[in-house]
């Protein structure tokens, strides 16, 4: 699959999802330095100035392009349609092709934009990209059992709870339990078509 030909762009009622570009540097820097203090154990603090340099941003863009080129992970900035502000990110990663055609959904909305339904809107749009543009058959989400907000988002966007995985991911020096959610394109009324083979 030639990922560079994909229309990696999606508009919703209030949002635009698209890959970050070089002209987004100031927007990106402002977004990661103007958050509220962490609101729960899953939230992050503001990035320090040394993490918000032009060089670091260019490295991020390079990594983003590399993931797209390899057809392994597709990352999108979540922008407000009205004023263009960056309010978060969403990605489809860990993509496996051949007989599985599967990917993992992940997202983050910055805490100063919580409680407006943006996560649900962005993740719903990401699923449309995954199934229609990337031609994945199945998308999963793995969520910690105590992350109530993300559990609600998974249910709202139509993912189905499939089970519990003990000590599935290693983060912050410990193994974490996960609740597994998933959906296929047929769950959203989309008929599956295998992507074209790479030449």
N, C-alpha and C. Protein backbone atom coordinates (compact mmCIF):
# COMPACT_ATOMS: atom_id res chain seq x y z
N UNK A 1 0.84 -1.19 0.00
CA UNK A 1 0.00 0.00 0.00
C UNK A 1 0.88 1.24 0.00
N UNK A 2 0.64 2.16 -0.91
CA UNK A 2 1.41 3.39 -0.96
C UNK A 2 0.74 4.43 -0.08
N UNK A 3 1.23 4.56 1.14
CA UNK A 3 0.58 5.43 2.12
C UNK A 3 0.58 6.89 1.71
N UNK A 4 1.55 7.30 0.89
CA UNK A 4 1.64 8.71 0.52
C UNK A 4 0.46 9.15 -0.35
N UNK A 5 -0.28 8.21 -0.94
CA UNK A 5 -1.41 8.56 -1.78
C UNK A 5 -2.70 8.66 -0.98
N UNK A 6 -2.65 8.33 0.29
CA UNK A 6 -3.86 8.31 1.10
C UNK A 6 -4.29 9.73 1.48
N UNK A 7 -5.60 10.00 1.46
CA UNK A 7 -6.10 11.32 1.88
C UNK A 7 -6.20 11.38 3.40
N UNK A 8 -5.05 11.56 4.05
CA UNK A 8 -5.02 11.51 5.51
C UNK A 8 -5.50 12.84 6.09
N UNK A 9 -6.78 13.05 5.96
CA UNK A 9 -7.40 14.30 6.35
C UNK A 9 -8.88 14.02 6.59
N UNK A 10 -9.41 14.50 7.72
CA UNK A 10 -10.81 14.24 8.02
C UNK A 10 -11.41 15.42 8.75
N UNK A 11 -12.56 15.88 8.28
CA UNK A 11 -13.30 16.95 8.94
C UNK A 11 -14.52 16.35 9.64
N UNK A 12 -14.82 16.88 10.83
CA UNK A 12 -16.04 16.53 11.54
C UNK A 12 -16.82 17.82 11.78
N UNK A 13 -17.83 17.77 12.60
CA UNK A 13 -18.63 18.96 12.88
C UNK A 13 -17.78 20.08 13.47
N UNK A 14 -16.84 19.72 14.37
CA UNK A 14 -16.07 20.74 15.08
C UNK A 14 -14.56 20.63 14.90
N UNK A 15 -14.10 19.53 14.28
CA UNK A 15 -12.67 19.22 14.28
C UNK A 15 -12.12 18.96 12.89
N UNK A 16 -10.80 19.07 12.80
CA UNK A 16 -10.05 18.61 11.63
C UNK A 16 -8.95 17.68 12.13
N UNK A 17 -8.86 16.51 11.53
CA UNK A 17 -7.78 15.57 11.82
C UNK A 17 -6.85 15.54 10.62
N UNK A 18 -5.57 15.76 10.87
CA UNK A 18 -4.57 15.70 9.80
C UNK A 18 -3.19 15.54 10.43
N UNK A 19 -2.23 15.02 9.66
CA UNK A 19 -0.86 14.95 10.17
C UNK A 19 -0.30 16.34 10.45
N UNK A 20 0.57 16.42 11.43
CA UNK A 20 1.24 17.69 11.71
C UNK A 20 2.15 18.07 10.55
N UNK A 21 2.30 19.39 10.32
CA UNK A 21 3.17 19.91 9.28
C UNK A 21 4.09 20.97 9.89
N UNK A 22 5.11 21.34 9.14
CA UNK A 22 6.13 22.26 9.67
C UNK A 22 5.53 23.58 10.16
N UNK A 23 4.51 24.07 9.47
CA UNK A 23 3.91 25.35 9.86
C UNK A 23 3.12 25.26 11.16
N UNK A 24 2.96 24.06 11.71
CA UNK A 24 2.23 23.87 12.96
C UNK A 24 3.11 24.05 14.20
N UNK A 25 4.38 24.40 14.01
CA UNK A 25 5.29 24.42 15.16
C UNK A 25 4.80 25.30 16.31
N UNK A 26 4.43 26.54 16.03
CA UNK A 26 4.00 27.45 17.10
C UNK A 26 2.73 26.93 17.78
N UNK A 27 1.82 26.43 16.99
CA UNK A 27 0.58 25.85 17.50
C UNK A 27 0.88 24.67 18.43
N UNK A 28 1.76 23.80 17.98
CA UNK A 28 2.17 22.62 18.75
C UNK A 28 2.86 23.02 20.04
N UNK A 29 3.79 23.97 19.96
CA UNK A 29 4.53 24.43 21.14
C UNK A 29 3.59 25.04 22.17
N UNK A 30 2.64 25.84 21.69
CA UNK A 30 1.67 26.47 22.59
C UNK A 30 0.78 25.43 23.26
N UNK A 31 0.35 24.43 22.49
CA UNK A 31 -0.54 23.41 23.02
C UNK A 31 0.11 22.60 24.14
N UNK A 32 1.38 22.27 23.97
CA UNK A 32 2.07 21.43 24.95
C UNK A 32 2.65 22.22 26.12
N UNK A 33 2.47 23.53 26.11
CA UNK A 33 2.99 24.35 27.21
C UNK A 33 1.91 25.12 27.95
N UNK A 34 0.64 24.92 27.58
CA UNK A 34 -0.44 25.72 28.17
C UNK A 34 -1.54 24.86 28.79
N UNK A 35 -1.21 23.63 29.14
CA UNK A 35 -2.21 22.76 29.76
C UNK A 35 -2.41 23.11 31.23
N UNK A 36 -3.53 22.65 31.77
CA UNK A 36 -3.77 22.76 33.20
C UNK A 36 -2.89 21.75 33.92
N UNK A 37 -2.73 21.87 35.23
CA UNK A 37 -2.01 20.82 35.97
C UNK A 37 -2.67 19.46 35.73
N UNK A 38 -1.91 18.36 35.84
CA UNK A 38 -2.48 17.03 35.61
C UNK A 38 -3.77 16.80 36.41
N UNK A 39 -4.79 16.31 35.73
CA UNK A 39 -6.10 16.15 36.34
C UNK A 39 -6.35 14.76 36.91
N UNK A 40 -5.55 13.78 36.50
CA UNK A 40 -5.67 12.43 37.05
C UNK A 40 -4.37 11.67 36.76
N UNK A 41 -4.33 10.41 37.12
CA UNK A 41 -3.10 9.63 36.99
C UNK A 41 -2.72 9.35 35.54
N UNK A 42 -3.65 9.54 34.62
CA UNK A 42 -3.38 9.26 33.20
C UNK A 42 -2.98 10.53 32.44
N UNK A 43 -3.08 11.65 33.09
CA UNK A 43 -2.82 12.93 32.44
C UNK A 43 -1.33 13.28 32.53
N UNK A 44 -0.90 14.18 31.65
CA UNK A 44 0.50 14.62 31.62
C UNK A 44 0.61 16.09 32.00
N UNK A 45 1.79 16.45 32.40
CA UNK A 45 2.05 17.86 32.71
C UNK A 45 2.56 18.57 31.45
N UNK A 46 2.70 19.89 31.54
CA UNK A 46 3.26 20.64 30.43
C UNK A 46 4.69 20.18 30.12
N UNK A 47 5.04 20.24 28.85
CA UNK A 47 6.41 19.92 28.46
C UNK A 47 7.31 21.10 28.80
N UNK A 48 8.55 20.81 29.10
CA UNK A 48 9.52 21.87 29.40
C UNK A 48 10.05 22.45 28.08
N UNK A 49 10.67 23.63 28.18
CA UNK A 49 11.13 24.34 26.98
C UNK A 49 12.08 23.51 26.13
N UNK A 50 12.91 22.69 26.77
CA UNK A 50 13.89 21.89 26.03
C UNK A 50 13.23 20.82 25.16
N UNK A 51 11.97 20.50 25.44
CA UNK A 51 11.24 19.51 24.65
C UNK A 51 10.43 20.16 23.53
N UNK A 52 10.40 21.50 23.52
CA UNK A 52 9.53 22.21 22.59
C UNK A 52 10.32 23.05 21.59
N UNK A 53 11.48 22.56 21.20
CA UNK A 53 12.31 23.28 20.24
C UNK A 53 11.91 22.94 18.81
N UNK A 54 12.34 23.77 17.88
CA UNK A 54 12.07 23.53 16.46
C UNK A 54 12.73 22.22 16.02
N UNK A 55 13.91 21.94 16.56
CA UNK A 55 14.61 20.70 16.20
C UNK A 55 13.83 19.47 16.65
N UNK A 56 13.28 19.53 17.88
CA UNK A 56 12.48 18.41 18.38
C UNK A 56 11.22 18.23 17.54
N UNK A 57 10.63 19.34 17.12
CA UNK A 57 9.42 19.26 16.31
C UNK A 57 9.72 18.65 14.94
N UNK A 58 10.84 19.05 14.34
CA UNK A 58 11.22 18.48 13.05
C UNK A 58 11.48 16.98 13.18
N UNK A 59 12.08 16.57 14.30
CA UNK A 59 12.31 15.15 14.54
C UNK A 59 10.99 14.40 14.66
N UNK A 60 10.01 15.04 15.30
CA UNK A 60 8.68 14.44 15.42
C UNK A 60 8.03 14.27 14.06
N UNK A 61 8.15 15.29 13.21
CA UNK A 61 7.59 15.20 11.87
C UNK A 61 8.26 14.08 11.07
N UNK A 62 9.57 13.95 11.22
CA UNK A 62 10.30 12.89 10.52
C UNK A 62 9.83 11.52 10.98
N UNK A 63 9.63 11.37 12.28
CA UNK A 63 9.14 10.11 12.82
C UNK A 63 7.73 9.82 12.31
N UNK A 64 6.91 10.84 12.25
CA UNK A 64 5.55 10.69 11.75
C UNK A 64 5.54 10.21 10.30
N UNK A 65 6.36 10.85 9.47
CA UNK A 65 6.44 10.46 8.05
C UNK A 65 6.98 9.04 7.89
N UNK A 66 7.93 8.68 8.74
CA UNK A 66 8.51 7.34 8.68
C UNK A 66 7.45 6.29 9.00
N UNK A 67 6.64 6.56 10.03
CA UNK A 67 5.58 5.63 10.39
C UNK A 67 4.57 5.47 9.27
N UNK A 68 4.23 6.57 8.58
CA UNK A 68 3.31 6.51 7.45
C UNK A 68 3.92 5.72 6.30
N UNK A 69 5.19 6.00 6.01
CA UNK A 69 5.86 5.34 4.89
C UNK A 69 5.94 3.83 5.08
N UNK A 70 6.13 3.40 6.32
CA UNK A 70 6.21 1.97 6.62
C UNK A 70 4.83 1.33 6.76
N UNK A 71 3.79 2.16 6.74
CA UNK A 71 2.42 1.67 6.93
C UNK A 71 2.28 0.95 8.27
N UNK A 72 2.88 1.55 9.32
CA UNK A 72 2.85 0.95 10.65
C UNK A 72 2.07 1.79 11.66
N UNK A 73 2.16 3.11 11.52
CA UNK A 73 1.43 3.99 12.44
C UNK A 73 1.09 5.29 11.71
N UNK A 74 -0.15 5.74 11.88
CA UNK A 74 -0.62 6.98 11.27
C UNK A 74 -1.05 7.91 12.40
N UNK A 75 -0.38 9.06 12.50
CA UNK A 75 -0.62 10.01 13.57
C UNK A 75 -1.32 11.26 13.02
N UNK A 76 -2.24 11.79 13.80
CA UNK A 76 -3.00 12.96 13.38
C UNK A 76 -3.09 13.97 14.51
N UNK A 77 -2.86 15.23 14.18
CA UNK A 77 -3.20 16.28 15.11
C UNK A 77 -4.70 16.49 15.10
N UNK A 78 -5.26 16.84 16.25
CA UNK A 78 -6.69 17.15 16.35
C UNK A 78 -6.80 18.66 16.49
N UNK A 79 -7.37 19.32 15.48
CA UNK A 79 -7.46 20.77 15.44
C UNK A 79 -8.92 21.22 15.51
N UNK A 80 -9.16 22.32 16.21
CA UNK A 80 -10.49 22.93 16.19
C UNK A 80 -10.74 23.54 14.82
N UNK A 81 -11.90 23.26 14.26
CA UNK A 81 -12.21 23.77 12.93
C UNK A 81 -12.34 25.30 12.93
N UNK A 82 -12.88 25.86 14.01
CA UNK A 82 -13.15 27.30 14.06
C UNK A 82 -11.90 28.17 14.05
N UNK A 83 -10.93 27.82 14.92
CA UNK A 83 -9.75 28.69 15.04
C UNK A 83 -8.42 27.99 14.75
N UNK A 84 -8.46 26.70 14.43
CA UNK A 84 -7.25 25.99 14.04
C UNK A 84 -6.35 25.58 15.18
N UNK A 85 -6.77 25.77 16.44
CA UNK A 85 -5.92 25.40 17.57
C UNK A 85 -5.77 23.89 17.67
N UNK A 86 -4.56 23.46 18.00
CA UNK A 86 -4.27 22.05 18.24
C UNK A 86 -4.76 21.69 19.64
N UNK A 87 -5.65 20.71 19.75
CA UNK A 87 -6.20 20.35 21.06
C UNK A 87 -5.90 18.90 21.45
N UNK A 88 -5.17 18.18 20.61
CA UNK A 88 -4.85 16.80 20.97
C UNK A 88 -4.27 16.04 19.80
N UNK A 89 -4.26 14.73 19.95
CA UNK A 89 -3.72 13.86 18.91
C UNK A 89 -4.46 12.53 18.94
N UNK A 90 -4.47 11.86 17.81
CA UNK A 90 -5.05 10.54 17.72
C UNK A 90 -4.19 9.74 16.75
N UNK A 91 -4.09 8.45 16.96
CA UNK A 91 -3.28 7.65 16.05
C UNK A 91 -3.88 6.26 15.87
N UNK A 92 -3.54 5.68 14.73
CA UNK A 92 -3.81 4.27 14.45
C UNK A 92 -2.44 3.64 14.30
N UNK A 93 -2.06 2.77 15.23
CA UNK A 93 -0.72 2.19 15.23
C UNK A 93 -0.72 0.68 15.31
N UNK A 94 0.48 0.12 15.44
CA UNK A 94 0.68 -1.34 15.48
C UNK A 94 -0.08 -2.04 14.37
N UNK A 95 0.00 -1.47 13.18
CA UNK A 95 -0.76 -2.00 12.05
C UNK A 95 -0.13 -3.29 11.54
N UNK A 96 -0.97 -4.29 11.35
CA UNK A 96 -0.56 -5.57 10.78
C UNK A 96 -1.41 -5.83 9.55
N UNK A 97 -0.75 -6.13 8.48
CA UNK A 97 -1.46 -6.36 7.21
C UNK A 97 -1.64 -7.86 6.97
N UNK A 98 -1.26 -8.35 5.82
CA UNK A 98 -1.44 -9.74 5.37
C UNK A 98 -2.86 -10.23 5.72
N UNK A 99 -2.97 -11.25 6.56
CA UNK A 99 -4.28 -11.84 6.80
C UNK A 99 -5.06 -11.21 7.95
N UNK A 100 -4.43 -10.31 8.71
CA UNK A 100 -5.12 -9.75 9.88
C UNK A 100 -5.73 -8.37 9.62
N UNK A 101 -5.01 -7.46 8.94
CA UNK A 101 -5.52 -6.12 8.64
C UNK A 101 -6.06 -5.43 9.89
N UNK A 102 -5.20 -5.33 10.90
CA UNK A 102 -5.59 -4.89 12.23
C UNK A 102 -4.75 -3.69 12.67
N UNK A 103 -5.33 -2.81 13.50
CA UNK A 103 -4.60 -1.68 14.06
C UNK A 103 -5.08 -1.36 15.46
N UNK A 104 -4.31 -0.52 16.16
CA UNK A 104 -4.63 -0.11 17.52
C UNK A 104 -4.95 1.38 17.53
N UNK A 105 -6.04 1.76 18.18
CA UNK A 105 -6.44 3.16 18.31
C UNK A 105 -5.91 3.75 19.60
N UNK A 106 -5.34 4.96 19.53
CA UNK A 106 -4.91 5.69 20.71
C UNK A 106 -5.21 7.17 20.53
N UNK A 107 -5.35 7.88 21.64
CA UNK A 107 -5.68 9.30 21.52
C UNK A 107 -5.25 10.05 22.78
N UNK A 108 -5.19 11.37 22.64
CA UNK A 108 -5.03 12.26 23.78
C UNK A 108 -5.64 13.61 23.45
N UNK A 109 -6.51 14.08 24.33
CA UNK A 109 -7.03 15.44 24.25
C UNK A 109 -6.43 16.21 25.42
N UNK A 110 -5.86 17.38 25.16
CA UNK A 110 -5.24 18.17 26.22
C UNK A 110 -6.29 18.58 27.25
N UNK A 111 -5.89 18.57 28.52
CA UNK A 111 -6.87 18.67 29.60
C UNK A 111 -7.65 19.99 29.65
N UNK A 112 -7.15 21.04 29.02
CA UNK A 112 -7.93 22.28 28.99
C UNK A 112 -9.06 22.24 27.96
N UNK A 113 -9.22 21.08 27.29
CA UNK A 113 -10.31 20.89 26.34
C UNK A 113 -11.16 19.66 26.70
N UNK A 114 -11.05 19.21 27.92
CA UNK A 114 -11.85 18.06 28.36
C UNK A 114 -13.31 18.45 28.54
N UNK A 115 -14.15 17.41 28.59
CA UNK A 115 -15.58 17.54 28.89
C UNK A 115 -16.38 18.30 27.84
N UNK A 116 -15.91 18.22 26.60
CA UNK A 116 -16.66 18.80 25.49
C UNK A 116 -16.97 17.77 24.40
N UNK A 117 -16.65 16.51 24.66
CA UNK A 117 -16.92 15.46 23.68
C UNK A 117 -15.93 15.39 22.54
N UNK A 118 -14.80 16.09 22.66
CA UNK A 118 -13.83 16.10 21.57
C UNK A 118 -13.17 14.73 21.36
N UNK A 119 -12.91 13.99 22.45
CA UNK A 119 -12.28 12.67 22.31
C UNK A 119 -13.18 11.73 21.52
N UNK A 120 -14.46 11.74 21.83
CA UNK A 120 -15.41 10.89 21.11
C UNK A 120 -15.47 11.27 19.63
N UNK A 121 -15.51 12.56 19.36
CA UNK A 121 -15.60 13.04 17.98
C UNK A 121 -14.33 12.71 17.20
N UNK A 122 -13.18 12.91 17.82
CA UNK A 122 -11.90 12.64 17.15
C UNK A 122 -11.71 11.14 16.91
N UNK A 123 -12.02 10.32 17.89
CA UNK A 123 -11.83 8.88 17.74
C UNK A 123 -12.80 8.28 16.74
N UNK A 124 -14.03 8.81 16.68
CA UNK A 124 -14.98 8.36 15.66
C UNK A 124 -14.45 8.65 14.27
N UNK A 125 -13.87 9.84 14.10
CA UNK A 125 -13.29 10.20 12.80
C UNK A 125 -12.09 9.33 12.47
N UNK A 126 -11.28 9.01 13.48
CA UNK A 126 -10.11 8.16 13.26
C UNK A 126 -10.53 6.77 12.80
N UNK A 127 -11.63 6.27 13.32
CA UNK A 127 -12.12 4.96 12.89
C UNK A 127 -12.53 4.99 11.42
N UNK A 128 -13.13 6.10 10.99
CA UNK A 128 -13.49 6.23 9.58
C UNK A 128 -12.25 6.22 8.70
N UNK A 129 -11.20 6.90 9.13
CA UNK A 129 -9.93 6.87 8.39
C UNK A 129 -9.38 5.45 8.35
N UNK A 130 -9.42 4.79 9.51
CA UNK A 130 -8.87 3.43 9.60
C UNK A 130 -9.57 2.47 8.65
N UNK A 131 -10.89 2.53 8.63
CA UNK A 131 -11.65 1.56 7.85
C UNK A 131 -11.80 1.94 6.38
N UNK A 132 -11.94 3.22 6.10
CA UNK A 132 -12.18 3.64 4.72
C UNK A 132 -10.91 3.98 3.96
N UNK A 133 -9.99 4.71 4.60
CA UNK A 133 -8.77 5.14 3.91
C UNK A 133 -7.63 4.13 4.04
N UNK A 134 -7.40 3.67 5.27
CA UNK A 134 -6.33 2.70 5.49
C UNK A 134 -6.75 1.28 5.17
N UNK A 135 -8.04 1.08 5.01
CA UNK A 135 -8.61 -0.23 4.67
C UNK A 135 -8.23 -1.31 5.69
N UNK A 136 -8.28 -0.96 6.94
CA UNK A 136 -8.14 -1.96 7.99
C UNK A 136 -9.48 -2.67 8.17
N UNK A 137 -9.41 -3.90 8.61
CA UNK A 137 -10.65 -4.65 8.87
C UNK A 137 -11.06 -4.55 10.33
N UNK A 138 -10.07 -4.42 11.22
CA UNK A 138 -10.35 -4.45 12.65
C UNK A 138 -9.48 -3.42 13.37
N UNK A 139 -10.07 -2.74 14.33
CA UNK A 139 -9.34 -1.77 15.16
C UNK A 139 -9.59 -2.11 16.62
N UNK A 140 -8.52 -2.09 17.41
CA UNK A 140 -8.61 -2.40 18.83
C UNK A 140 -8.24 -1.18 19.67
N UNK A 141 -8.65 -1.21 20.92
CA UNK A 141 -8.21 -0.22 21.91
C UNK A 141 -7.99 -0.96 23.22
N UNK A 142 -6.86 -0.71 23.86
CA UNK A 142 -6.52 -1.34 25.13
C UNK A 142 -6.48 -0.26 26.21
N UNK A 143 -7.32 -0.41 27.22
CA UNK A 143 -7.53 0.66 28.20
C UNK A 143 -7.39 0.12 29.61
N UNK A 144 -6.69 0.89 30.46
CA UNK A 144 -6.56 0.48 31.86
C UNK A 144 -7.93 0.47 32.54
N UNK A 145 -8.19 -0.51 33.39
CA UNK A 145 -9.52 -0.65 34.01
C UNK A 145 -9.99 0.56 34.80
N UNK A 146 -9.05 1.35 35.34
CA UNK A 146 -9.44 2.51 36.14
C UNK A 146 -9.56 3.80 35.33
N UNK A 147 -9.29 3.72 34.04
CA UNK A 147 -9.38 4.90 33.18
C UNK A 147 -10.83 5.05 32.70
N UNK A 148 -11.68 5.55 33.57
CA UNK A 148 -13.11 5.59 33.31
C UNK A 148 -13.47 6.45 32.10
N UNK A 149 -12.76 7.56 31.92
CA UNK A 149 -13.07 8.45 30.80
C UNK A 149 -12.85 7.74 29.46
N UNK A 150 -11.72 7.04 29.34
CA UNK A 150 -11.43 6.34 28.08
C UNK A 150 -12.35 5.14 27.88
N UNK A 151 -12.75 4.49 28.95
CA UNK A 151 -13.72 3.40 28.83
C UNK A 151 -15.04 3.92 28.26
N UNK A 152 -15.45 5.11 28.69
CA UNK A 152 -16.69 5.71 28.17
C UNK A 152 -16.54 6.05 26.69
N UNK A 153 -15.37 6.59 26.32
CA UNK A 153 -15.15 6.94 24.92
C UNK A 153 -15.23 5.70 24.04
N UNK A 154 -14.60 4.61 24.47
CA UNK A 154 -14.62 3.37 23.69
C UNK A 154 -16.05 2.90 23.44
N UNK A 155 -16.87 2.96 24.45
CA UNK A 155 -18.26 2.53 24.31
C UNK A 155 -19.05 3.48 23.42
N UNK A 156 -18.83 4.78 23.57
CA UNK A 156 -19.56 5.77 22.78
C UNK A 156 -19.28 5.64 21.28
N UNK A 157 -18.05 5.28 20.93
CA UNK A 157 -17.71 5.19 19.50
C UNK A 157 -18.01 3.81 18.92
N UNK A 158 -18.60 2.94 19.73
CA UNK A 158 -19.07 1.67 19.21
C UNK A 158 -18.11 0.50 19.31
N UNK A 159 -17.01 0.66 20.05
CA UNK A 159 -16.12 -0.48 20.26
C UNK A 159 -16.77 -1.46 21.24
N UNK A 160 -16.53 -2.73 21.04
CA UNK A 160 -17.12 -3.76 21.89
C UNK A 160 -16.07 -4.33 22.85
N UNK A 161 -16.46 -4.46 24.10
CA UNK A 161 -15.57 -5.06 25.09
C UNK A 161 -15.38 -6.54 24.78
N UNK A 162 -14.11 -6.95 24.68
CA UNK A 162 -13.81 -8.33 24.34
C UNK A 162 -13.20 -9.13 25.48
N UNK A 163 -12.55 -8.46 26.42
CA UNK A 163 -11.95 -9.23 27.50
C UNK A 163 -10.97 -8.43 28.33
N UNK A 164 -10.28 -9.13 29.19
CA UNK A 164 -9.34 -8.54 30.14
C UNK A 164 -7.97 -9.19 29.94
N UNK A 165 -6.94 -8.36 29.83
CA UNK A 165 -5.57 -8.86 29.67
C UNK A 165 -4.75 -8.49 30.89
N UNK A 166 -4.29 -9.49 31.61
CA UNK A 166 -3.49 -9.24 32.81
C UNK A 166 -2.06 -8.90 32.45
N UNK A 167 -1.57 -7.79 33.03
CA UNK A 167 -0.17 -7.36 32.84
C UNK A 167 0.22 -7.36 31.36
N UNK A 168 -0.53 -6.65 30.57
CA UNK A 168 -0.32 -6.65 29.11
C UNK A 168 0.76 -5.69 28.64
N UNK A 169 0.82 -4.48 29.24
CA UNK A 169 1.76 -3.46 28.79
C UNK A 169 2.70 -3.04 29.92
N UNK A 170 3.96 -2.77 29.55
CA UNK A 170 4.96 -2.34 30.53
C UNK A 170 5.19 -0.84 30.38
N UNK A 171 4.74 -0.06 31.35
CA UNK A 171 4.91 1.38 31.33
C UNK A 171 5.22 1.87 32.74
N UNK A 172 6.05 2.90 32.82
CA UNK A 172 6.41 3.48 34.12
C UNK A 172 6.91 2.42 35.10
N UNK A 173 7.74 1.53 34.58
CA UNK A 173 8.42 0.51 35.38
C UNK A 173 7.48 -0.52 36.02
N UNK A 174 6.32 -0.74 35.40
CA UNK A 174 5.42 -1.78 35.92
C UNK A 174 4.53 -2.30 34.80
N UNK A 175 4.04 -3.53 35.00
CA UNK A 175 3.13 -4.15 34.05
C UNK A 175 1.71 -3.73 34.35
N UNK A 176 0.97 -3.36 33.30
CA UNK A 176 -0.37 -2.84 33.47
C UNK A 176 -1.42 -3.78 32.91
N UNK A 177 -2.52 -3.93 33.64
CA UNK A 177 -3.68 -4.67 33.14
C UNK A 177 -4.42 -3.81 32.13
N UNK A 178 -5.10 -4.47 31.19
CA UNK A 178 -5.85 -3.76 30.17
C UNK A 178 -7.20 -4.43 29.92
N UNK A 179 -8.19 -3.60 29.61
CA UNK A 179 -9.46 -4.10 29.09
C UNK A 179 -9.41 -3.93 27.59
N UNK A 180 -9.76 -4.96 26.86
CA UNK A 180 -9.64 -4.98 25.41
C UNK A 180 -10.98 -4.66 24.75
N UNK A 181 -10.95 -3.68 23.85
CA UNK A 181 -12.12 -3.32 23.05
C UNK A 181 -11.74 -3.47 21.57
N UNK A 182 -12.73 -3.71 20.72
CA UNK A 182 -12.45 -3.84 19.29
C UNK A 182 -13.72 -3.66 18.47
N UNK A 183 -13.53 -3.40 17.19
CA UNK A 183 -14.63 -3.34 16.24
C UNK A 183 -14.07 -3.67 14.86
N UNK A 184 -14.94 -4.14 13.99
CA UNK A 184 -14.57 -4.37 12.60
C UNK A 184 -15.31 -3.37 11.73
N UNK A 185 -14.89 -3.24 10.49
CA UNK A 185 -15.54 -2.29 9.59
C UNK A 185 -17.01 -2.63 9.39
N UNK A 186 -17.33 -3.92 9.43
CA UNK A 186 -18.73 -4.33 9.25
C UNK A 186 -19.63 -3.80 10.36
N UNK A 187 -19.05 -3.59 11.54
CA UNK A 187 -19.83 -3.03 12.65
C UNK A 187 -20.33 -1.62 12.34
N UNK A 188 -19.68 -0.96 11.37
CA UNK A 188 -20.06 0.40 10.99
C UNK A 188 -20.68 0.44 9.59
N UNK A 189 -21.08 -0.72 9.11
CA UNK A 189 -21.72 -0.80 7.81
C UNK A 189 -20.80 -0.60 6.63
N UNK A 190 -19.49 -0.84 6.83
CA UNK A 190 -18.50 -0.66 5.77
C UNK A 190 -18.08 -2.03 5.24
N UNK A 191 -18.28 -2.25 3.95
CA UNK A 191 -17.88 -3.51 3.33
C UNK A 191 -16.37 -3.55 3.16
N UNK A 192 -15.75 -4.64 3.56
CA UNK A 192 -14.29 -4.68 3.54
C UNK A 192 -13.73 -4.95 2.14
N UNK A 193 -12.66 -4.21 1.81
CA UNK A 193 -11.89 -4.43 0.59
C UNK A 193 -10.42 -4.44 0.95
N UNK A 194 -9.70 -5.48 0.57
CA UNK A 194 -8.27 -5.53 0.86
C UNK A 194 -7.56 -4.38 0.15
N UNK A 195 -6.56 -3.79 0.81
CA UNK A 195 -5.80 -2.71 0.17
C UNK A 195 -4.98 -3.25 -0.98
N UNK A 196 -4.61 -2.39 -1.94
CA UNK A 196 -3.77 -2.84 -3.05
C UNK A 196 -2.40 -3.25 -2.55
N UNK A 197 -1.80 -4.23 -3.18
CA UNK A 197 -0.48 -4.69 -2.78
C UNK A 197 0.59 -3.71 -3.20
N UNK A 198 1.65 -3.62 -2.40
CA UNK A 198 2.77 -2.77 -2.76
C UNK A 198 3.51 -3.38 -3.95
N UNK A 199 4.00 -2.51 -4.82
CA UNK A 199 4.77 -2.99 -5.98
C UNK A 199 6.24 -3.13 -5.61
